[in-house]
């Protein structure tokens, strides 16, 4: 499908359940294909674990799946998210660097959880349990109260 001007629909920033997305890689690619997306970058937070499965689905459905990663970093005292693209992200020697970033994200989540506990009485463990025990606490449309509490906690940190 094209946009009407002859250019393909492209989504360069999509998350799966490997980080904070709601769909597994196959379901994400199926949804993209159903929406007419021809090129989809899987850019999960601090992992490329879903790219291989997404590519299998992409080949089946005619969606080109690009390898990507949203790297979380601390720059000048602020948390920033940097989008990276390319098959070089799949290189085995890059895995350790990504794992270091993932551990840093987990430590940041614990710090946010501690502050959230101070402010609201709901901490990281409860939020992770609500999210199904996932290391990454996922936000979804049905989680308005938790979302508002988390935003307030992040702003206070």
C-alpha atoms as a PDB file:
ATOM      1  CA  UNK A   1       0.000   0.000   0.000  1.00  0.00           C
ATOM      2  CA  UNK A   2       1.178   3.527  -0.642  1.00  0.00           C
ATOM      3  CA  UNK A   3       0.279   6.876   0.841  1.00  0.00           C
ATOM      4  CA  UNK A   4      -1.547   8.071  -2.250  1.00  0.00           C
ATOM      5  CA  UNK A   5       1.508   9.885  -3.553  1.00  0.00           C
ATOM      6  CA  UNK A   6       3.145   6.652  -4.638  1.00  0.00           C
ATOM      7  CA  UNK A   7       5.364   6.338  -1.570  1.00  0.00           C
ATOM      8  CA  UNK A   8       5.164   3.285   0.705  1.00  0.00           C
ATOM      9  CA  UNK A   9       3.918   3.478   4.270  1.00  0.00           C
ATOM     10  CA  UNK A  10       6.884   3.219   6.639  1.00  0.00           C
ATOM     11  CA  UNK A  11       6.932   2.936  10.447  1.00  0.00           C
ATOM     12  CA  UNK A  12      10.412   3.509  11.884  1.00  0.00           C
ATOM     13  CA  UNK A  13       9.546   3.259  15.589  1.00  0.00           C
ATOM     14  CA  UNK A  14       7.599   0.233  16.819  1.00  0.00           C
ATOM     15  CA  UNK A  15       7.837  -1.756  20.055  1.00  0.00           C
ATOM     16  CA  UNK A  16       6.990  -5.379  20.795  1.00  0.00           C
ATOM     17  CA  UNK A  17       6.382  -7.212  24.037  1.00  0.00           C
ATOM     18  CA  UNK A  18      10.178  -7.682  24.212  1.00  0.00           C
ATOM     19  CA  UNK A  19      10.179  -4.208  25.782  1.00  0.00           C
ATOM     20  CA  UNK A  20       7.109  -2.054  26.424  1.00  0.00           C
ATOM     21  CA  UNK A  21       4.913  -2.876  23.432  1.00  0.00           C
ATOM     22  CA  UNK A  22       1.652  -4.735  23.759  1.00  0.00           C
ATOM     23  CA  UNK A  23       2.070  -7.243  20.918  1.00  0.00           C
ATOM     24  CA  UNK A  24       4.460 -10.108  20.367  1.00  0.00           C
ATOM     25  CA  UNK A  25       6.642  -9.671  17.231  1.00  0.00           C
ATOM     26  CA  UNK A  26       4.365 -11.735  14.977  1.00  0.00           C
ATOM     27  CA  UNK A  27       1.227  -9.833  16.060  1.00  0.00           C
ATOM     28  CA  UNK A  28       2.972  -6.482  15.604  1.00  0.00           C
ATOM     29  CA  UNK A  29       3.934  -7.323  12.017  1.00  0.00           C
ATOM     30  CA  UNK A  30       0.433  -8.650  11.325  1.00  0.00           C
ATOM     31  CA  UNK A  31      -1.080  -5.383  12.585  1.00  0.00           C
ATOM     32  CA  UNK A  32       1.365  -3.355  10.499  1.00  0.00           C
ATOM     33  CA  UNK A  33       0.563  -5.409   7.383  1.00  0.00           C
ATOM     34  CA  UNK A  34      -3.173  -4.981   8.001  1.00  0.00           C
ATOM     35  CA  UNK A  35      -2.619  -1.198   8.206  1.00  0.00           C
ATOM     36  CA  UNK A  36      -0.745  -1.223   4.897  1.00  0.00           C
ATOM     37  CA  UNK A  37       2.743  -0.683   6.317  1.00  0.00           C
ATOM     38  CA  UNK A  38       5.406  -1.974   3.916  1.00  0.00           C
ATOM     39  CA  UNK A  39       8.531  -1.185   5.960  1.00  0.00           C
ATOM     40  CA  UNK A  40       8.586  -1.628   9.734  1.00  0.00           C
ATOM     41  CA  UNK A  41      11.489  -0.989  12.108  1.00  0.00           C
ATOM     42  CA  UNK A  42      11.301  -3.002  15.336  1.00  0.00           C
ATOM     43  CA  UNK A  43      12.915  -0.631  17.842  1.00  0.00           C
ATOM     44  CA  UNK A  44      12.373  -2.157  21.264  1.00  0.00           C
ATOM     45  CA  UNK A  45      13.981  -0.532  24.288  1.00  0.00           C
ATOM     46  CA  UNK A  46      17.522  -1.819  24.826  1.00  0.00           C
ATOM     47  CA  UNK A  47      17.040  -5.118  22.978  1.00  0.00           C
ATOM     48  CA  UNK A  48      16.927  -6.583  19.477  1.00  0.00           C
ATOM     49  CA  UNK A  49      15.484  -9.881  20.732  1.00  0.00           C
ATOM     50  CA  UNK A  50      12.265  -9.553  18.703  1.00  0.00           C
ATOM     51  CA  UNK A  51      13.795  -8.749  15.313  1.00  0.00           C
ATOM     52  CA  UNK A  52      14.311 -12.343  14.122  1.00  0.00           C
ATOM     53  CA  UNK A  53      10.728 -13.405  14.873  1.00  0.00           C
ATOM     54  CA  UNK A  54       9.374 -10.189  13.350  1.00  0.00           C
ATOM     55  CA  UNK A  55      11.374 -10.832  10.172  1.00  0.00           C
ATOM     56  CA  UNK A  56       9.889 -14.323   9.830  1.00  0.00           C
ATOM     57  CA  UNK A  57       6.404 -12.817  10.007  1.00  0.00           C
ATOM     58  CA  UNK A  58       7.449  -9.995   7.698  1.00  0.00           C
ATOM     59  CA  UNK A  59       8.632 -12.387   4.977  1.00  0.00           C
ATOM     60  CA  UNK A  60       5.320 -14.231   5.187  1.00  0.00           C
ATOM     61  CA  UNK A  61       3.255 -11.020   5.011  1.00  0.00           C
ATOM     62  CA  UNK A  62       5.338  -8.931   2.610  1.00  0.00           C
ATOM     63  CA  UNK A  63       6.536  -6.429   5.232  1.00  0.00           C
ATOM     64  CA  UNK A  64      10.221  -5.498   5.223  1.00  0.00           C
ATOM     65  CA  UNK A  65      11.358  -5.566   8.861  1.00  0.00           C
ATOM     66  CA  UNK A  66      14.349  -3.403   9.770  1.00  0.00           C
ATOM     67  CA  UNK A  67      16.545  -4.099  12.785  1.00  0.00           C
ATOM     68  CA  UNK A  68      16.407  -1.285  15.292  1.00  0.00           C
ATOM     69  CA  UNK A  69      16.847  -0.503  18.962  1.00  0.00           C
ATOM     70  CA  UNK A  70      15.812   2.383  21.181  1.00  0.00           C
ATOM     71  CA  UNK A  71      18.817   2.835  23.416  1.00  0.00           C
ATOM     72  CA  UNK A  72      18.203   4.493  26.760  1.00  0.00           C
ATOM     73  CA  UNK A  73      21.113   6.612  27.952  1.00  0.00           C
ATOM     74  CA  UNK A  74      21.952   9.225  30.533  1.00  0.00           C
ATOM     75  CA  UNK A  75      23.253  12.400  28.880  1.00  0.00           C
ATOM     76  CA  UNK A  76      23.985  15.501  30.918  1.00  0.00           C
ATOM     77  CA  UNK A  77      21.955  14.153  33.811  1.00  0.00           C
ATOM     78  CA  UNK A  78      18.883  13.521  31.643  1.00  0.00           C
ATOM     79  CA  UNK A  79      17.484  10.256  30.336  1.00  0.00           C
ATOM     80  CA  UNK A  80      17.391  10.282  26.538  1.00  0.00           C
ATOM     81  CA  UNK A  81      16.181   7.732  24.006  1.00  0.00           C
ATOM     82  CA  UNK A  82      18.266   7.277  20.854  1.00  0.00           C
ATOM     83  CA  UNK A  83      16.967   5.278  17.902  1.00  0.00           C
ATOM     84  CA  UNK A  84      19.549   3.058  16.216  1.00  0.00           C
ATOM     85  CA  UNK A  85      19.024   1.149  12.971  1.00  0.00           C
ATOM     86  CA  UNK A  86      20.834  -1.504  10.959  1.00  0.00           C
ATOM     87  CA  UNK A  87      21.796  -5.150  10.880  1.00  0.00           C
ATOM     88  CA  UNK A  88      25.000  -4.294  12.755  1.00  0.00           C
ATOM     89  CA  UNK A  89      22.814  -4.217  15.879  1.00  0.00           C
ATOM     90  CA  UNK A  90      22.417  -7.989  15.503  1.00  0.00           C
ATOM     91  CA  UNK A  91      26.175  -8.654  15.766  1.00  0.00           C
ATOM     92  CA  UNK A  92      26.980 -10.986  18.688  1.00  0.00           C
ATOM     93  CA  UNK A  93      29.674  -8.697  20.123  1.00  0.00           C
ATOM     94  CA  UNK A  94      27.154  -5.873  20.469  1.00  0.00           C
ATOM     95  CA  UNK A  95      25.012  -8.028  22.754  1.00  0.00           C
ATOM     96  CA  UNK A  96      27.048  -7.231  25.876  1.00  0.00           C
ATOM     97  CA  UNK A  97      26.796  -3.477  25.293  1.00  0.00           C
ATOM     98  CA  UNK A  98      23.035  -3.757  24.896  1.00  0.00           C
ATOM     99  CA  UNK A  99      22.840  -5.892  28.051  1.00  0.00           C
ATOM    100  CA  UNK A 100      24.683  -3.170  29.997  1.00  0.00           C
ATOM    101  CA  UNK A 101      22.098  -0.647  28.788  1.00  0.00           C
ATOM    102  CA  UNK A 102      19.293  -3.043  29.734  1.00  0.00           C
ATOM    103  CA  UNK A 103      20.677  -3.418  33.275  1.00  0.00           C
ATOM    104  CA  UNK A 104      20.880   0.380  33.524  1.00  0.00           C
ATOM    105  CA  UNK A 105      17.243   0.613  32.477  1.00  0.00           C
ATOM    106  CA  UNK A 106      16.293  -1.904  35.169  1.00  0.00           C
ATOM    107  CA  UNK A 107      18.177   0.118  37.810  1.00  0.00           C
ATOM    108  CA  UNK A 108      16.371   3.278  36.642  1.00  0.00           C
ATOM    109  CA  UNK A 109      13.024   1.444  36.871  1.00  0.00           C
ATOM    110  CA  UNK A 110      13.852   0.435  40.454  1.00  0.00           C
ATOM    111  CA  UNK A 111      14.707   4.051  41.333  1.00  0.00           C
ATOM    112  CA  UNK A 112      11.439   5.276  39.796  1.00  0.00           C
ATOM    113  CA  UNK A 113       9.615   2.544  41.713  1.00  0.00           C
ATOM    114  CA  UNK A 114      11.194   3.648  44.995  1.00  0.00           C
ATOM    115  CA  UNK A 115      10.130   7.246  44.388  1.00  0.00           C
ATOM    116  CA  UNK A 116       6.665   6.093  43.303  1.00  0.00           C
ATOM    117  CA  UNK A 117       6.365   4.113  46.547  1.00  0.00           C
ATOM    118  CA  UNK A 118       7.236   7.240  48.547  1.00  0.00           C
ATOM    119  CA  UNK A 119       4.665   9.344  46.697  1.00  0.00           C
ATOM    120  CA  UNK A 120       1.784   6.917  46.248  1.00  0.00           C
ATOM    121  CA  UNK A 121       2.369   3.797  48.313  1.00  0.00           C
ATOM    122  CA  UNK A 122       2.623   1.731  45.110  1.00  0.00           C
ATOM    123  CA  UNK A 123       6.145   0.586  44.298  1.00  0.00           C
ATOM    124  CA  UNK A 124       8.019  -1.252  41.576  1.00  0.00           C
ATOM    125  CA  UNK A 125       7.051  -4.757  42.718  1.00  0.00           C
ATOM    126  CA  UNK A 126       3.325  -3.948  42.635  1.00  0.00           C
ATOM    127  CA  UNK A 127       3.626  -2.237  39.259  1.00  0.00           C
ATOM    128  CA  UNK A 128       5.564  -5.207  37.833  1.00  0.00           C
ATOM    129  CA  UNK A 129       2.914  -7.595  39.199  1.00  0.00           C
ATOM    130  CA  UNK A 130       0.163  -5.520  37.552  1.00  0.00           C
ATOM    131  CA  UNK A 131       2.149  -5.732  34.290  1.00  0.00           C
ATOM    132  CA  UNK A 132       2.260  -9.512  34.541  1.00  0.00           C
ATOM    133  CA  UNK A 133       5.625  -9.828  36.267  1.00  0.00           C
ATOM    134  CA  UNK A 134       7.489  -8.255  33.368  1.00  0.00           C
ATOM    135  CA  UNK A 135      10.829  -6.574  34.074  1.00  0.00           C
ATOM    136  CA  UNK A 136       9.627  -3.651  31.967  1.00  0.00           C
ATOM    137  CA  UNK A 137       6.511  -2.100  33.439  1.00  0.00           C
ATOM    138  CA  UNK A 138       4.164  -1.657  30.502  1.00  0.00           C
ATOM    139  CA  UNK A 139       1.637   1.087  30.174  1.00  0.00           C
ATOM    140  CA  UNK A 140      -1.670   0.380  28.461  1.00  0.00           C
ATOM    141  CA  UNK A 141      -4.886   2.303  27.836  1.00  0.00           C
ATOM    142  CA  UNK A 142      -6.615   0.535  30.739  1.00  0.00           C
ATOM    143  CA  UNK A 143      -4.035   1.719  33.236  1.00  0.00           C
ATOM    144  CA  UNK A 144      -4.986   5.389  33.607  1.00  0.00           C
ATOM    145  CA  UNK A 145      -4.597   5.603  37.383  1.00  0.00           C
ATOM    146  CA  UNK A 146      -1.241   3.822  37.318  1.00  0.00           C
ATOM    147  CA  UNK A 147      -0.106   5.914  34.339  1.00  0.00           C
ATOM    148  CA  UNK A 148      -0.920   9.183  36.083  1.00  0.00           C
ATOM    149  CA  UNK A 149       0.880   8.031  39.239  1.00  0.00           C
ATOM    150  CA  UNK A 150       3.941   6.999  37.251  1.00  0.00           C
ATOM    151  CA  UNK A 151       4.076  10.301  35.370  1.00  0.00           C
ATOM    152  CA  UNK A 152       3.848  12.166  38.674  1.00  0.00           C
ATOM    153  CA  UNK A 153       6.621  10.036  40.151  1.00  0.00           C
ATOM    154  CA  UNK A 154       8.909  10.466  37.146  1.00  0.00           C
ATOM    155  CA  UNK A 155       8.414  14.222  37.225  1.00  0.00           C
ATOM    156  CA  UNK A 156       9.414  14.311  40.887  1.00  0.00           C
ATOM    157  CA  UNK A 157      12.630  12.338  40.395  1.00  0.00           C
END
